[in-house]
Amino acid sequence: MRRLAALLIVPLLVLTAGCGNDSDSASSSALPTVTGKFGEKPTVTLPKATPSKTLEAKTLIEGSGPEVKKGQLLVAHYLGETYRDGRVFDDSYSRKAPAGFPIGVGKVIPGWDEKLVGVKGGSRVLLTIPPDKGYGAQGQPNAGIKGDDTLVFVVDILGGYDPAAGAKGTPVPPDTSGTLPTVTGEPGKEPTVTVPAGKAPPKQLVKRTVSCPAGTRRSSAPRSAAASSRSSRRTRASARLASRTWASSPTRRSSSSSTFSARTDAGPDPRVLTSLTPRSLRSSA
């Protein structure tokens, strides 16, 4: 999740789902104000007050989905900025793709772990996070976050998902063209991907279903990006992604190499194999 995935997932990101009635929250007048709809990039206005030294959370929109549980993969849109100057250091809205993080198990900053477990899916939450609940005294210099910075996050909770969840379907007939990698392994578990020897990578984006949900039928033929676009519009909330580079070197990616991935999605979505050309890879970054 590119930038913030590297920032949030560090060995250091229980909201009572009432509208701002958290037991450790200070007066709401000292909190930033947020405008915008759920799922859209919010606008944050900071007060002219010294930020609280305690972790604060306020539910701006209360959803009706299941509560996020400890140990689940939290899938959310988010915007993070520094209280000091209102500078946005990262947000998923601009990338037009939510991010997923293990929640409540010490894989993200403490402020997220402590306040986002128990939030209902569909909720928008405002967090103000003091340094000791964020990145600590060391800060995050690469993101311009100082050791004494209080952070402001707006988080749109899409849901919480079992990290072991995966597609439960039946394999489709294997590709017989010999031009695409083969994928083996059970849905929901890390796949094994084998690149065909002596074959050049595709020059166009290719997506092929490897297994289908029970009761559905799909062609075993690879589909072009245009033919696959309709099924790709849905947000794939909980996913395992195993990617390798189709190139002679296992450690370096050349500008002409292609990357392919075998993906297992939560719920009824299929397992798919995607081949990305350098151009499509850049556009998806």
C-alpha atoms as a PDB file:
ATOM      1  CA  MET A   1       0.000   0.000   0.000  1.00  0.00           C
ATOM      2  CA  ARG A   2       2.941   1.320  -1.114  1.00  0.00           C
ATOM      3  CA  ARG A   3       3.835   4.292   0.977  1.00  0.00           C
ATOM      4  CA  LEU A   4       1.693   4.112   4.106  1.00  0.00           C
ATOM      5  CA  ALA A   5       1.775   0.331   4.148  1.00  0.00           C
ATOM      6  CA  ALA A   6       5.480   0.721   4.887  1.00  0.00           C
ATOM      7  CA  LEU A   7       4.738   3.454   7.411  1.00  0.00           C
ATOM      8  CA  LEU A   8       1.873   1.836   9.300  1.00  0.00           C
ATOM      9  CA  ILE A   9       3.085  -1.744   9.421  1.00  0.00           C
ATOM     10  CA  VAL A  10       5.751  -1.448  12.067  1.00  0.00           C
ATOM     11  CA  PRO A  11       5.988  -3.439  15.297  1.00  0.00           C
ATOM     12  CA  LEU A  12       4.256  -0.682  17.176  1.00  0.00           C
ATOM     13  CA  LEU A  13      -1.993   1.733  13.282  1.00  0.00           C
ATOM     14  CA  VAL A  14     -11.582  -0.423  21.148  1.00  0.00           C
ATOM     15  CA  LEU A  15     -13.537   2.189  19.546  1.00  0.00           C
ATOM     16  CA  THR A  16     -16.866   2.498  21.355  1.00  0.00           C
ATOM     17  CA  ALA A  17     -19.097   2.977  18.378  1.00  0.00           C
ATOM     18  CA  GLY A  18     -20.863   6.072  19.687  1.00  0.00           C
ATOM     19  CA  CYS A  19     -20.536   9.375  17.970  1.00  0.00           C
ATOM     20  CA  GLY A  20     -17.508  10.795  19.716  1.00  0.00           C
ATOM     21  CA  ASN A  21     -18.211   9.509  23.211  1.00  0.00           C
ATOM     22  CA  ASP A  22     -14.896   7.758  23.795  1.00  0.00           C
ATOM     23  CA  SER A  23     -13.859   7.610  27.410  1.00  0.00           C
ATOM     24  CA  ASP A  24     -10.421   9.072  26.790  1.00  0.00           C
ATOM     25  CA  SER A  25     -11.495  11.775  24.334  1.00  0.00           C
ATOM     26  CA  ALA A  26     -11.080  15.390  25.224  1.00  0.00           C
ATOM     27  CA  SER A  27     -13.596  18.071  24.357  1.00  0.00           C
ATOM     28  CA  SER A  28     -14.681  17.801  20.730  1.00  0.00           C
ATOM     29  CA  SER A  29     -13.952  21.511  20.307  1.00  0.00           C
ATOM     30  CA  ALA A  30     -10.230  20.654  20.410  1.00  0.00           C
ATOM     31  CA  LEU A  31     -10.571  18.086  17.635  1.00  0.00           C
ATOM     32  CA  PRO A  32     -10.170  18.738  13.916  1.00  0.00           C
ATOM     33  CA  THR A  33     -13.321  19.054  11.852  1.00  0.00           C
ATOM     34  CA  VAL A  34     -13.873  16.811   8.849  1.00  0.00           C
ATOM     35  CA  THR A  35     -16.106  17.265   5.820  1.00  0.00           C
ATOM     36  CA  GLY A  36     -16.823  14.913   2.940  1.00  0.00           C
ATOM     37  CA  LYS A  37     -18.724  11.735   2.235  1.00  0.00           C
ATOM     38  CA  PHE A  38     -17.783   8.235   3.323  1.00  0.00           C
ATOM     39  CA  GLY A  39     -15.426   6.673   0.775  1.00  0.00           C
ATOM     40  CA  GLU A  40     -14.394  10.051  -0.639  1.00  0.00           C
ATOM     41  CA  LYS A  41     -11.267  12.008   0.233  1.00  0.00           C
ATOM     42  CA  PRO A  42     -12.061  14.113   3.298  1.00  0.00           C
ATOM     43  CA  THR A  43     -11.157  17.719   4.021  1.00  0.00           C
ATOM     44  CA  VAL A  44      -9.660  18.247   7.460  1.00  0.00           C
ATOM     45  CA  THR A  45      -9.638  21.616   9.247  1.00  0.00           C
ATOM     46  CA  LEU A  46      -7.311  21.840  12.226  1.00  0.00           C
ATOM     47  CA  PRO A  47      -8.211  23.895  15.314  1.00  0.00           C
ATOM     48  CA  LYS A  48      -5.917  26.619  16.652  1.00  0.00           C
ATOM     49  CA  ALA A  49      -5.380  24.651  19.821  1.00  0.00           C
ATOM     50  CA  THR A  50      -2.542  22.583  21.196  1.00  0.00           C
ATOM     51  CA  PRO A  51      -3.254  18.931  20.391  1.00  0.00           C
ATOM     52  CA  SER A  52      -4.171  16.631  23.219  1.00  0.00           C
ATOM     53  CA  LYS A  53      -1.450  14.426  24.637  1.00  0.00           C
ATOM     54  CA  THR A  54      -3.885  11.526  24.848  1.00  0.00           C
ATOM     55  CA  LEU A  55      -5.125   9.249  22.094  1.00  0.00           C
ATOM     56  CA  GLU A  56      -8.527  10.421  20.864  1.00  0.00           C
ATOM     57  CA  ALA A  57     -11.104   8.916  18.542  1.00  0.00           C
ATOM     58  CA  LYS A  58     -14.426  10.206  17.274  1.00  0.00           C
ATOM     59  CA  THR A  59     -16.918   8.341  15.117  1.00  0.00           C
ATOM     60  CA  LEU A  60     -18.023  10.790  12.437  1.00  0.00           C
ATOM     61  CA  ILE A  61     -20.255   8.340  10.588  1.00  0.00           C
ATOM     62  CA  GLU A  62     -21.458   5.154  12.263  1.00  0.00           C
ATOM     63  CA  GLY A  63     -21.791   2.223   9.922  1.00  0.00           C
ATOM     64  CA  SER A  64     -24.117  -0.745  10.168  1.00  0.00           C
ATOM     65  CA  GLY A  65     -21.670  -3.505   9.243  1.00  0.00           C
ATOM     66  CA  PRO A  66     -20.062  -6.099  11.517  1.00  0.00           C
ATOM     67  CA  GLU A  67     -17.550  -4.901  14.078  1.00  0.00           C
ATOM     68  CA  VAL A  68     -13.883  -5.257  13.214  1.00  0.00           C
ATOM     69  CA  LYS A  69     -12.310  -7.949  15.376  1.00  0.00           C
ATOM     70  CA  LYS A  70      -8.823  -8.260  16.779  1.00  0.00           C
ATOM     71  CA  GLY A  71      -6.595 -10.233  14.427  1.00  0.00           C
ATOM     72  CA  GLN A  72      -8.656  -9.524  11.337  1.00  0.00           C
ATOM     73  CA  LEU A  73      -7.428  -7.822   8.198  1.00  0.00           C
ATOM     74  CA  LEU A  74      -8.802  -4.298   8.462  1.00  0.00           C
ATOM     75  CA  VAL A  75      -9.632  -2.923   5.016  1.00  0.00           C
ATOM     76  CA  ALA A  76     -10.028   0.831   4.901  1.00  0.00           C
ATOM     77  CA  HIS A  77      -9.507   4.089   3.102  1.00  0.00           C
ATOM     78  CA  TYR A  78      -7.509   6.585   5.128  1.00  0.00           C
ATOM     79  CA  LEU A  79      -5.909  10.004   5.115  1.00  0.00           C
ATOM     80  CA  GLY A  80      -3.049  10.913   7.434  1.00  0.00           C
ATOM     81  CA  GLU A  81      -1.636  14.358   8.147  1.00  0.00           C
ATOM     82  CA  THR A  82       0.491  16.070  10.770  1.00  0.00           C
ATOM     83  CA  TYR A  83      -1.293  18.254  13.315  1.00  0.00           C
ATOM     84  CA  ARG A  84       1.655  20.653  13.321  1.00  0.00           C
ATOM     85  CA  ASP A  85       1.126  21.965   9.800  1.00  0.00           C
ATOM     86  CA  GLY A  86      -1.754  20.026   8.253  1.00  0.00           C
ATOM     87  CA  ARG A  87       0.541  18.378   5.741  1.00  0.00           C
ATOM     88  CA  VAL A  88      -0.924  15.191   4.274  1.00  0.00           C
ATOM     89  CA  PHE A  89       1.801  12.543   4.356  1.00  0.00           C
ATOM     90  CA  ASP A  90      -0.303   9.857   2.722  1.00  0.00           C
ATOM     91  CA  ASP A  91      -3.808   8.854   1.715  1.00  0.00           C
ATOM     92  CA  SER A  92      -5.392   5.936  -0.080  1.00  0.00           C
ATOM     93  CA  TYR A  93      -8.164   7.982  -1.681  1.00  0.00           C
ATOM     94  CA  SER A  94      -5.763   9.503  -4.187  1.00  0.00           C
ATOM     95  CA  ARG A  95      -4.647   6.004  -5.188  1.00  0.00           C
ATOM     96  CA  LYS A  96      -8.300   5.013  -5.599  1.00  0.00           C
ATOM     97  CA  ALA A  97      -7.656   1.773  -3.738  1.00  0.00           C
ATOM     98  CA  PRO A  98      -8.197   0.877  -0.066  1.00  0.00           C
ATOM     99  CA  ALA A  99      -5.483  -0.780   1.976  1.00  0.00           C
ATOM    100  CA  GLY A 100      -5.514  -3.763   4.331  1.00  0.00           C
ATOM    101  CA  PHE A 101      -3.676  -4.080   7.635  1.00  0.00           C
ATOM    102  CA  PRO A 102      -3.679  -6.720  10.388  1.00  0.00           C
ATOM    103  CA  ILE A 103      -5.380  -4.972  13.296  1.00  0.00           C
ATOM    104  CA  GLY A 104      -5.051  -5.348  17.059  1.00  0.00           C
ATOM    105  CA  VAL A 105      -1.981  -7.575  16.921  1.00  0.00           C
ATOM    106  CA  GLY A 106       0.924  -5.115  17.028  1.00  0.00           C
ATOM    107  CA  LYS A 107       1.489  -4.902  13.285  1.00  0.00           C
ATOM    108  CA  VAL A 108       0.458  -1.265  12.986  1.00  0.00           C
ATOM    109  CA  ILE A 109       0.957   1.834  15.123  1.00  0.00           C
ATOM    110  CA  PRO A 110      -0.670   1.579  18.591  1.00  0.00           C
ATOM    111  CA  GLY A 111      -3.221   4.304  17.912  1.00  0.00           C
ATOM    112  CA  TRP A 112      -4.819   2.186  15.192  1.00  0.00           C
ATOM    113  CA  ASP A 113      -4.635  -1.028  17.199  1.00  0.00           C
ATOM    114  CA  GLU A 114      -6.282   0.550  20.234  1.00  0.00           C
ATOM    115  CA  LYS A 115      -9.043   2.490  18.527  1.00  0.00           C
ATOM    116  CA  LEU A 116     -10.104   0.619  15.405  1.00  0.00           C
ATOM    117  CA  VAL A 117     -10.869  -2.779  16.894  1.00  0.00           C
ATOM    118  CA  GLY A 118     -14.600  -2.840  17.532  1.00  0.00           C
ATOM    119  CA  VAL A 119     -15.535  -0.267  14.886  1.00  0.00           C
ATOM    120  CA  LYS A 120     -18.463  -1.196  12.652  1.00  0.00           C
ATOM    121  CA  GLY A 121     -17.967  -1.584   8.931  1.00  0.00           C
ATOM    122  CA  GLY A 122     -19.165   1.494   7.090  1.00  0.00           C
ATOM    123  CA  SER A 123     -17.943   3.873   9.805  1.00  0.00           C
ATOM    124  CA  ARG A 124     -15.780   6.958   9.365  1.00  0.00           C
ATOM    125  CA  VAL A 125     -13.470   7.592  12.310  1.00  0.00           C
ATOM    126  CA  LEU A 126     -11.322  10.581  13.212  1.00  0.00           C
ATOM    127  CA  LEU A 127      -8.157   9.800  15.166  1.00  0.00           C
ATOM    128  CA  THR A 128      -5.695  12.186  16.796  1.00  0.00           C
ATOM    129  CA  ILE A 129      -2.616  10.227  17.755  1.00  0.00           C
ATOM    130  CA  PRO A 130       0.136  11.551  20.031  1.00  0.00           C
ATOM    131  CA  PRO A 131       3.734  10.508  19.356  1.00  0.00           C
ATOM    132  CA  ASP A 132       3.760   7.658  21.892  1.00  0.00           C
ATOM    133  CA  LYS A 133       0.794   6.070  20.104  1.00  0.00           C
ATOM    134  CA  GLY A 134       2.242   6.746  16.664  1.00  0.00           C
ATOM    135  CA  TYR A 135       5.845   6.386  15.556  1.00  0.00           C
ATOM    136  CA  GLY A 136       7.468   7.275  18.862  1.00  0.00           C
ATOM    137  CA  ALA A 137      10.404   9.587  19.471  1.00  0.00           C
ATOM    138  CA  GLN A 138      12.110   8.453  16.277  1.00  0.00           C
ATOM    139  CA  GLY A 139       9.235   9.641  14.087  1.00  0.00           C
ATOM    140  CA  GLN A 140       9.216   8.754  10.403  1.00  0.00           C
ATOM    141  CA  PRO A 141      11.764  11.041   8.692  1.00  0.00           C
ATOM    142  CA  ASN A 142      11.023   9.618   5.244  1.00  0.00           C
ATOM    143  CA  ALA A 143       7.447  10.833   5.582  1.00  0.00           C
ATOM    144  CA  GLY A 144       8.381  14.131   7.222  1.00  0.00           C
ATOM    145  CA  ILE A 145       6.997  13.013  10.595  1.00  0.00           C
ATOM    146  CA  LYS A 146       8.951  14.332  13.584  1.00  0.00           C
ATOM    147  CA  GLY A 147       9.340  12.570  16.906  1.00  0.00           C
ATOM    148  CA  ASP A 148       7.017  15.054  18.624  1.00  0.00           C
ATOM    149  CA  ASP A 149       4.347  15.156  15.905  1.00  0.00           C
ATOM    150  CA  THR A 150       0.733  14.455  16.715  1.00  0.00           C
ATOM    151  CA  LEU A 151      -0.950  12.710  13.787  1.00  0.00           C
ATOM    152  CA  VAL A 152      -4.471  13.125  12.449  1.00  0.00           C
ATOM    153  CA  PHE A 153      -6.124  10.256  10.598  1.00  0.00           C
ATOM    154  CA  VAL A 154      -9.515   9.992   8.959  1.00  0.00           C
ATOM    155  CA  VAL A 155     -10.322   6.323   8.408  1.00  0.00           C
ATOM    156  CA  ASP A 156     -13.239   4.903   6.423  1.00  0.00           C
ATOM    157  CA  ILE A 157     -13.758   1.325   7.609  1.00  0.00           C
ATOM    158  CA  LEU A 158     -14.788  -0.956   4.761  1.00  0.00           C
ATOM    159  CA  GLY A 159     -14.705  -4.058   6.925  1.00  0.00           C
ATOM    160  CA  GLY A 160     -12.709  -6.660   8.778  1.00  0.00           C
ATOM    161  CA  TYR A 161     -11.850  -9.998   7.208  1.00  0.00           C
ATOM    162  CA  ASP A 162     -10.536 -13.300   8.437  1.00  0.00           C
ATOM    163  CA  PRO A 163      -6.879 -13.424   7.366  1.00  0.00           C
ATOM    164  CA  ALA A 164      -7.308 -17.078   6.438  1.00  0.00           C
ATOM    165  CA  ALA A 165     -10.292 -16.361   4.185  1.00  0.00           C
ATOM    166  CA  GLY A 166      -9.970 -17.244   0.554  1.00  0.00           C
ATOM    167  CA  ALA A 167     -11.852 -18.175  -2.547  1.00  0.00           C
ATOM    168  CA  LYS A 168     -13.674 -21.497  -2.309  1.00  0.00           C
ATOM    169  CA  GLY A 169     -14.155 -22.709  -5.823  1.00  0.00           C
ATOM    170  CA  THR A 170     -13.198 -25.333  -8.320  1.00  0.00           C
ATOM    171  CA  PRO A 171     -10.165 -25.170 -10.640  1.00  0.00           C
ATOM    172  CA  VAL A 172     -10.845 -24.289 -14.257  1.00  0.00           C
ATOM    173  CA  PRO A 173      -9.226 -26.298 -17.059  1.00  0.00           C
ATOM    174  CA  PRO A 174      -5.530 -25.435 -17.266  1.00  0.00           C
ATOM    175  CA  ASP A 175      -4.166 -23.086 -19.899  1.00  0.00           C
ATOM    176  CA  THR A 176      -2.895 -25.127 -22.814  1.00  0.00           C
ATOM    177  CA  SER A 177      -1.270 -22.326 -24.760  1.00  0.00           C
ATOM    178  CA  GLY A 178       1.965 -22.694 -22.820  1.00  0.00           C
ATOM    179  CA  THR A 179       2.412 -18.942 -22.805  1.00  0.00           C
ATOM    180  CA  LEU A 180       1.174 -18.143 -19.290  1.00  0.00           C
ATOM    181  CA  PRO A 181       2.554 -19.121 -15.886  1.00  0.00           C
ATOM    182  CA  THR A 182       0.857 -22.030 -14.151  1.00  0.00           C
ATOM    183  CA  VAL A 183      -0.566 -21.708 -10.655  1.00  0.00           C
ATOM    184  CA  THR A 184      -0.924 -24.555  -8.175  1.00  0.00           C
ATOM    185  CA  GLY A 185      -2.067 -24.662  -4.583  1.00  0.00           C
ATOM    186  CA  GLU A 186      -5.319 -24.450  -2.674  1.00  0.00           C
ATOM    187  CA  PRO A 187      -7.322 -21.208  -2.699  1.00  0.00           C
ATOM    188  CA  GLY A 188      -6.692 -19.268   0.487  1.00  0.00           C
ATOM    189  CA  LYS A 189      -3.101 -20.474   0.721  1.00  0.00           C
ATOM    190  CA  GLU A 190       0.071 -19.154  -0.844  1.00  0.00           C
ATOM    191  CA  PRO A 191       0.159 -20.255  -4.481  1.00  0.00           C
ATOM    192  CA  THR A 192       3.094 -21.719  -6.384  1.00  0.00           C
ATOM    193  CA  VAL A 193       3.675 -19.947  -9.689  1.00  0.00           C
ATOM    194  CA  THR A 194       5.767 -21.527 -12.453  1.00  0.00           C
ATOM    195  CA  VAL A 195       6.967 -19.479 -15.413  1.00  0.00           C
ATOM    196  CA  PRO A 196       7.058 -21.326 -18.763  1.00  0.00           C
ATOM    197  CA  ALA A 197      10.652 -21.871 -19.811  1.00  0.00           C
ATOM    198  CA  GLY A 198      11.851 -20.136 -22.948  1.00  0.00           C
ATOM    199  CA  LYS A 199       8.700 -18.069 -23.414  1.00  0.00           C
ATOM    200  CA  ALA A 200       8.646 -14.304 -23.738  1.00  0.00           C
ATOM    201  CA  PRO A 201       6.285 -12.468 -21.361  1.00  0.00           C
ATOM    202  CA  PRO A 202       3.022 -11.093 -22.756  1.00  0.00           C
ATOM    203  CA  LYS A 203       3.147  -7.574 -24.144  1.00  0.00           C
ATOM    204  CA  GLN A 204      -0.384  -6.798 -22.993  1.00  0.00           C
ATOM    205  CA  LEU A 205      -2.118  -7.010 -19.629  1.00  0.00           C
ATOM    206  CA  VAL A 206      -3.642 -10.485 -19.310  1.00  0.00           C
ATOM    207  CA  LYS A 207      -5.962 -11.804 -16.610  1.00  0.00           C
ATOM    208  CA  ARG A 208      -6.993 -15.434 -16.334  1.00  0.00           C
ATOM    209  CA  THR A 209      -9.311 -17.080 -13.805  1.00  0.00           C
ATOM    210  CA  VAL A 210      -7.610 -20.052 -12.138  1.00  0.00           C
ATOM    211  CA  SER A 211     -10.527 -21.180  -9.968  1.00  0.00           C
ATOM    212  CA  CYS A 212     -14.213 -20.238  -9.959  1.00  0.00           C
ATOM    213  CA  PRO A 213     -16.810 -20.058  -7.195  1.00  0.00           C
ATOM    214  CA  ALA A 214     -18.948 -23.155  -6.923  1.00  0.00           C
ATOM    215  CA  GLY A 215     -21.865 -23.198  -9.328  1.00  0.00           C
ATOM    216  CA  THR A 216     -20.310 -20.876 -11.904  1.00  0.00           C
ATOM    217  CA  ARG A 217     -18.802 -21.544 -15.280  1.00  0.00           C
ATOM    218  CA  ARG A 218     -15.952 -19.684 -16.846  1.00  0.00           C
ATOM    219  CA  SER A 219     -13.938 -20.053 -19.979  1.00  0.00           C
ATOM    220  CA  SER A 220     -10.398 -21.309 -19.485  1.00  0.00           C
ATOM    221  CA  ALA A 221      -9.124 -18.852 -22.104  1.00  0.00           C
ATOM    222  CA  PRO A 222      -7.094 -15.867 -20.893  1.00  0.00           C
ATOM    223  CA  ARG A 223      -8.984 -12.594 -21.021  1.00  0.00           C
ATOM    224  CA  SER A 224      -7.657  -9.230 -22.114  1.00  0.00           C
ATOM    225  CA  ALA A 225      -7.713  -6.229 -19.806  1.00  0.00           C
ATOM    226  CA  ALA A 226     -10.668  -4.801 -21.732  1.00  0.00           C
ATOM    227  CA  ALA A 227     -12.668  -8.013 -21.419  1.00  0.00           C
ATOM    228  CA  SER A 228     -11.849  -8.253 -17.716  1.00  0.00           C
ATOM    229  CA  SER A 229     -12.495  -4.643 -16.757  1.00  0.00           C
ATOM    230  CA  ARG A 230     -16.070  -5.162 -15.612  1.00  0.00           C
ATOM    231  CA  SER A 231     -15.182  -7.884 -13.128  1.00  0.00           C
ATOM    232  CA  SER A 232     -12.167  -5.919 -11.938  1.00  0.00           C
ATOM    233  CA  ARG A 233     -14.168  -2.908 -10.780  1.00  0.00           C
ATOM    234  CA  ARG A 234     -15.163  -4.459  -7.496  1.00  0.00           C
ATOM    235  CA  THR A 235     -12.904  -3.763  -4.560  1.00  0.00           C
ATOM    236  CA  ARG A 236     -11.122  -6.952  -3.581  1.00  0.00           C
ATOM    237  CA  ALA A 237     -11.115  -6.477   0.131  1.00  0.00           C
ATOM    238  CA  SER A 238      -9.039  -9.303   1.598  1.00  0.00           C
ATOM    239  CA  ALA A 239      -6.356 -10.661  -0.652  1.00  0.00           C
ATOM    240  CA  ARG A 240      -3.181 -12.648  -0.671  1.00  0.00           C
ATOM    241  CA  LEU A 241      -0.832 -11.570  -3.400  1.00  0.00           C
ATOM    242  CA  ALA A 242       2.180 -13.565  -4.516  1.00  0.00           C
ATOM    243  CA  SER A 243       4.175 -11.849  -7.231  1.00  0.00           C
ATOM    244  CA  ARG A 244       7.325 -12.627  -9.149  1.00  0.00           C
ATOM    245  CA  THR A 245       9.133 -10.968 -12.015  1.00  0.00           C
ATOM    246  CA  TRP A 246       9.198 -12.652 -15.401  1.00  0.00           C
ATOM    247  CA  ALA A 247      12.871 -11.992 -16.088  1.00  0.00           C
ATOM    248  CA  SER A 248      16.158 -13.851 -16.104  1.00  0.00           C
ATOM    249  CA  SER A 249      17.381 -12.300 -12.850  1.00  0.00           C
ATOM    250  CA  PRO A 250      15.583 -13.309  -9.625  1.00  0.00           C
ATOM    251  CA  THR A 251      16.751 -10.218  -7.732  1.00  0.00           C
ATOM    252  CA  ARG A 252      16.510  -7.295 -10.118  1.00  0.00           C
ATOM    253  CA  ARG A 253      13.665  -6.105 -12.282  1.00  0.00           C
ATOM    254  CA  SER A 254      14.600  -4.777 -15.693  1.00  0.00           C
ATOM    255  CA  SER A 255      12.516  -2.084 -17.353  1.00  0.00           C
ATOM    256  CA  SER A 256      11.428  -4.585 -20.017  1.00  0.00           C
ATOM    257  CA  SER A 257      10.365  -7.384 -17.685  1.00  0.00           C
ATOM    258  CA  SER A 258       6.792  -8.261 -16.756  1.00  0.00           C
ATOM    259  CA  THR A 259       5.402  -9.029 -13.328  1.00  0.00           C
ATOM    260  CA  PHE A 260       2.694 -11.586 -12.745  1.00  0.00           C
ATOM    261  CA  SER A 261       0.677 -12.325  -9.652  1.00  0.00           C
ATOM    262  CA  ALA A 262      -1.552 -15.093  -8.385  1.00  0.00           C
ATOM    263  CA  ARG A 263      -4.229 -13.718  -6.140  1.00  0.00           C
ATOM    264  CA  THR A 264      -6.728 -15.261  -3.745  1.00  0.00           C
ATOM    265  CA  ASP A 265      -9.600 -13.064  -2.655  1.00  0.00           C
ATOM    266  CA  ALA A 266     -11.915 -13.344   0.327  1.00  0.00           C
ATOM    267  CA  GLY A 267     -15.507 -14.391  -0.102  1.00  0.00           C
ATOM    268  CA  PRO A 268     -16.836 -15.770  -3.377  1.00  0.00           C
ATOM    269  CA  ASP A 269     -14.399 -14.009  -5.704  1.00  0.00           C
ATOM    270  CA  PRO A 270     -12.274 -16.225  -7.927  1.00  0.00           C
ATOM    271  CA  ARG A 271      -8.560 -16.824  -7.854  1.00  0.00           C
ATOM    272  CA  VAL A 272      -7.008 -15.022 -10.788  1.00  0.00           C
ATOM    273  CA  LEU A 273      -3.649 -14.870 -12.505  1.00  0.00           C
ATOM    274  CA  THR A 274      -2.636 -11.435 -13.748  1.00  0.00           C
ATOM    275  CA  SER A 275       0.273 -10.560 -15.997  1.00  0.00           C
ATOM    276  CA  LEU A 276       1.335  -6.917 -15.767  1.00  0.00           C
ATOM    277  CA  THR A 277       3.447  -5.181 -18.373  1.00  0.00           C
ATOM    278  CA  PRO A 278       5.816  -2.403 -17.202  1.00  0.00           C
ATOM    279  CA  ARG A 279       3.329   0.217 -18.374  1.00  0.00           C
ATOM    280  CA  SER A 280       0.323  -1.301 -16.607  1.00  0.00           C
ATOM    281  CA  LEU A 281       2.415  -1.857 -13.475  1.00  0.00           C
ATOM    282  CA  ARG A 282       3.343   1.816 -13.325  1.00  0.00           C
ATOM    283  CA  SER A 283      -0.233   2.929 -13.853  1.00  0.00           C
ATOM    284  CA  SER A 284      -1.390   0.710 -10.980  1.00  0.00           C
ATOM    285  CA  ALA A 285       1.277   1.973  -8.563  1.00  0.00           C
END
